[in-house]
Amino acid sequence: MERSDIPLLVDFWAPWCGPCKMMAPQFQQDARLLEPKVRLAKVDTEAEPQLATRFGIRSIPTLALFRGGREIARQAGAMGAKDIVRWASSAVVS
C-alpha cells in the first residue's frame, strides 16, 4: 500500500461474488464523491490471492481503509453508497 497522507479505500472482491457485483456500482459512485480526499482501489482476490492473504481477507466483499501505509479501518459485507461514504468519512476523521 502506498505510504501517502491521502487515505486509500480498497475494495477486496471476486468475480464470482454476488454481493461484490451488487456493490461495484456503489463503489464507483463513491469514487466520484470521495476523490481526491480519499483514493479508491479494487483488488480482485482471485487474481491477487497473495494480497488477500497478506491483509488477512477472510470474507468478501471487504473494504479496508489505509493511511500512510497502515490499515486504519475495515468493514466486511456489502454496503450501499451512502453507507460507504459515511463509514469511510468517519474512519478518516477518527
Foldseek 3Di string as FASTA:
>chain_A
DDQAQQKEKEWEEAPVDPLCVVQVVLQVVLCVVCPPSYHYYYDHCVVVVVVCVVVVPDAPGKIFMDHRRHTQDIDHDHDGNVVVNVVVVVSSVD
